Amino acid sequence: MTLKRYETAILFDPELPEDARKEFLVKLTGIVAAYKGEVLKTDDWGNRKLAYPIKKRSNAFYTFLLYTGDRGVVEEVERNIKISEGILRHLTTLHTAALPPKVEAAAPPAADAPADSGAPAPETPQAPTPPAEA
């Protein structure tokens, strides 16, 4: 059975210090790990203008957390978000989009393969060019 992926958007108070935000995200990472999950991606968007004021704030610091975990991980993450000071809003969704594959370094060419076999390179067919008008 594969673990489900979740994405939580967190809107922090813009006046909250950066170290407090980082400390809270480390705490959430520990909670996810306790539920046999892992944080796949943390995406900080920075300070953005809100569409409407929330708790008399017109800006918020946006952070997106993509993670997996066993049953109950979302409830525990949201419980900790609700009791934390300095968070204006949050939203958790089930993440169904495919993740981009990890880019791995290309394998170096084999040492025993000849660099030039002497055979001509295969030609690629080219589309015919239209004749120039005079």
Protein backbone atom coordinates (compact mmCIF):
# COMPACT_ATOMS: atom_id res chain seq x y z
CA MET A 1 0.00 0.00 0.00
CA THR A 2 1.40 3.38 -1.00
CA LEU A 3 1.12 6.32 1.32
CA LYS A 4 -1.10 9.19 0.27
CA ARG A 5 0.47 12.57 -0.49
CA TYR A 6 -0.87 15.71 1.12
CA GLU A 7 -0.12 19.38 0.54
CA THR A 8 -0.63 21.95 3.27
CA ALA A 9 -0.57 25.66 2.47
CA ILE A 10 0.36 27.75 5.50
CA LEU A 11 0.01 31.53 5.62
CA PHE A 12 2.29 32.88 8.34
CA ASP A 13 2.01 36.31 9.90
CA PRO A 14 4.53 38.49 8.01
CA GLU A 15 5.87 39.86 11.31
CA LEU A 16 6.78 36.38 12.56
CA PRO A 17 10.59 36.01 12.63
CA GLU A 18 12.17 33.67 10.09
CA ASP A 19 13.73 31.46 12.76
CA ALA A 20 10.30 30.91 14.35
CA ARG A 21 8.90 29.83 10.95
CA LYS A 22 11.81 27.47 10.35
CA GLU A 23 11.50 26.02 13.86
CA PHE A 24 7.79 25.37 13.33
CA LEU A 25 8.44 23.64 9.99
CA VAL A 26 11.06 21.42 11.66
CA LYS A 27 8.44 20.53 14.28
CA LEU A 28 5.98 19.60 11.50
CA THR A 29 8.66 17.47 9.84
CA GLY A 30 9.07 15.56 13.11
CA ILE A 31 5.31 15.02 13.35
CA VAL A 32 5.19 13.67 9.79
CA ALA A 33 8.12 11.35 10.56
CA ALA A 34 6.27 10.05 13.64
CA TYR A 35 3.47 8.93 11.31
CA LYS A 36 5.90 6.97 9.10
CA GLY A 37 5.91 9.67 6.46
CA GLU A 38 8.35 12.09 4.97
CA VAL A 39 8.33 15.68 3.84
CA LEU A 40 8.83 15.55 0.08
CA LYS A 41 9.07 19.28 -0.56
CA THR A 42 8.94 22.58 1.30
CA ASP A 43 8.22 25.53 -0.94
CA ASP A 44 8.51 29.07 0.47
CA TRP A 45 6.83 31.68 -1.71
CA GLY A 46 7.71 34.57 0.56
CA ASN A 47 5.62 37.62 1.40
CA ARG A 48 2.58 38.03 -0.83
CA LYS A 49 -0.35 40.42 -0.82
CA LEU A 50 -3.60 38.84 0.31
CA ALA A 51 -6.79 39.18 -1.72
CA TYR A 52 -8.57 40.40 1.42
CA PRO A 53 -7.41 41.24 4.96
CA ILE A 54 -7.06 38.33 7.40
CA LYS A 55 -6.77 39.25 11.09
CA LYS A 56 -6.13 42.86 10.02
CA ARG A 57 -3.12 41.83 7.88
CA SER A 58 -2.86 42.61 4.19
CA ASN A 59 0.25 40.44 3.55
CA ALA A 60 1.26 36.91 4.54
CA PHE A 61 4.30 34.66 4.19
CA TYR A 62 3.25 31.67 2.06
CA THR A 63 4.74 28.20 2.65
CA PHE A 64 3.64 24.95 0.99
CA LEU A 65 4.47 21.60 2.56
CA LEU A 66 4.19 18.40 0.49
CA TYR A 67 4.34 15.23 2.59
CA THR A 68 3.21 11.62 2.99
CA GLY A 69 2.15 9.70 6.05
CA ASP A 70 -0.04 7.10 7.70
CA ARG A 71 -3.60 7.64 8.79
CA GLY A 72 -3.95 10.55 11.19
CA VAL A 73 -0.99 12.58 9.96
CA VAL A 74 -3.18 15.36 8.55
CA GLU A 75 -5.20 15.66 11.75
CA GLU A 76 -2.02 15.95 13.85
CA VAL A 77 -0.40 18.48 11.50
CA GLU A 78 -3.56 20.61 11.47
CA ARG A 79 -3.94 20.36 15.26
CA ASN A 80 -0.44 21.77 15.70
CA ILE A 81 -1.12 24.51 13.16
CA LYS A 82 -4.31 25.54 14.98
CA ILE A 83 -2.62 25.88 18.38
CA SER A 84 0.37 27.76 16.98
CA GLU A 85 0.60 31.52 17.19
CA GLY A 86 1.50 33.48 14.08
CA ILE A 87 -0.43 31.49 11.49
CA LEU A 88 -3.17 33.38 9.67
CA ARG A 89 -4.64 30.55 7.57
CA HIS A 90 -3.97 27.00 6.43
CA LEU A 91 -5.43 24.54 3.94
CA THR A 92 -4.63 20.86 3.45
CA THR A 93 -5.47 19.01 0.24
CA LEU A 94 -4.88 15.53 -1.09
CA HIS A 95 -2.08 15.84 -3.64
CA THR A 96 -2.93 13.82 -6.75
CA ALA A 97 -0.65 15.45 -9.35
CA ALA A 98 2.28 13.40 -10.55
CA LEU A 99 5.64 14.41 -9.15
CA PRO A 100 8.32 15.25 -11.70
CA PRO A 101 10.96 12.52 -11.91
CA LYS A 102 14.21 13.18 -10.13
CA VAL A 103 16.97 14.21 -12.50
CA GLU A 104 19.95 11.91 -12.19
CA ALA A 105 23.39 12.54 -13.59
CA ALA A 106 23.93 10.99 -17.02
CA ALA A 107 26.08 7.89 -16.96
CA PRO A 108 29.55 8.46 -18.42
CA PRO A 109 30.26 6.63 -21.68
CA ALA A 110 31.76 3.19 -21.31
CA ALA A 111 35.58 3.17 -21.40
CA ASP A 112 35.81 0.08 -23.62
CA ALA A 113 33.50 1.47 -26.34
CA PRO A 114 35.37 2.91 -29.32
CA ALA A 115 35.07 6.65 -29.65
CA ASP A 116 34.82 6.55 -33.46
CA SER A 117 33.87 3.30 -35.13
CA GLY A 118 34.64 4.65 -38.59
CA ALA A 119 31.06 4.11 -39.74
CA PRO A 120 29.26 7.18 -41.05
CA ALA A 121 26.73 8.70 -38.75
CA PRO A 122 23.13 7.93 -39.69
CA GLU A 123 21.52 10.75 -41.61
CA THR A 124 18.35 12.26 -40.37
CA PRO A 125 15.71 12.84 -43.02
CA GLN A 126 15.05 16.50 -43.66
CA ALA A 127 11.91 18.03 -45.00
CA PRO A 128 12.24 19.14 -48.63
CA THR A 129 12.73 22.86 -49.02
CA PRO A 130 10.37 24.68 -51.37
CA PRO A 131 12.00 26.09 -54.52
CA ALA A 132 12.85 29.76 -54.39
CA GLU A 133 10.65 31.93 -56.54
CA ALA A 134 12.37 34.12 -59.12
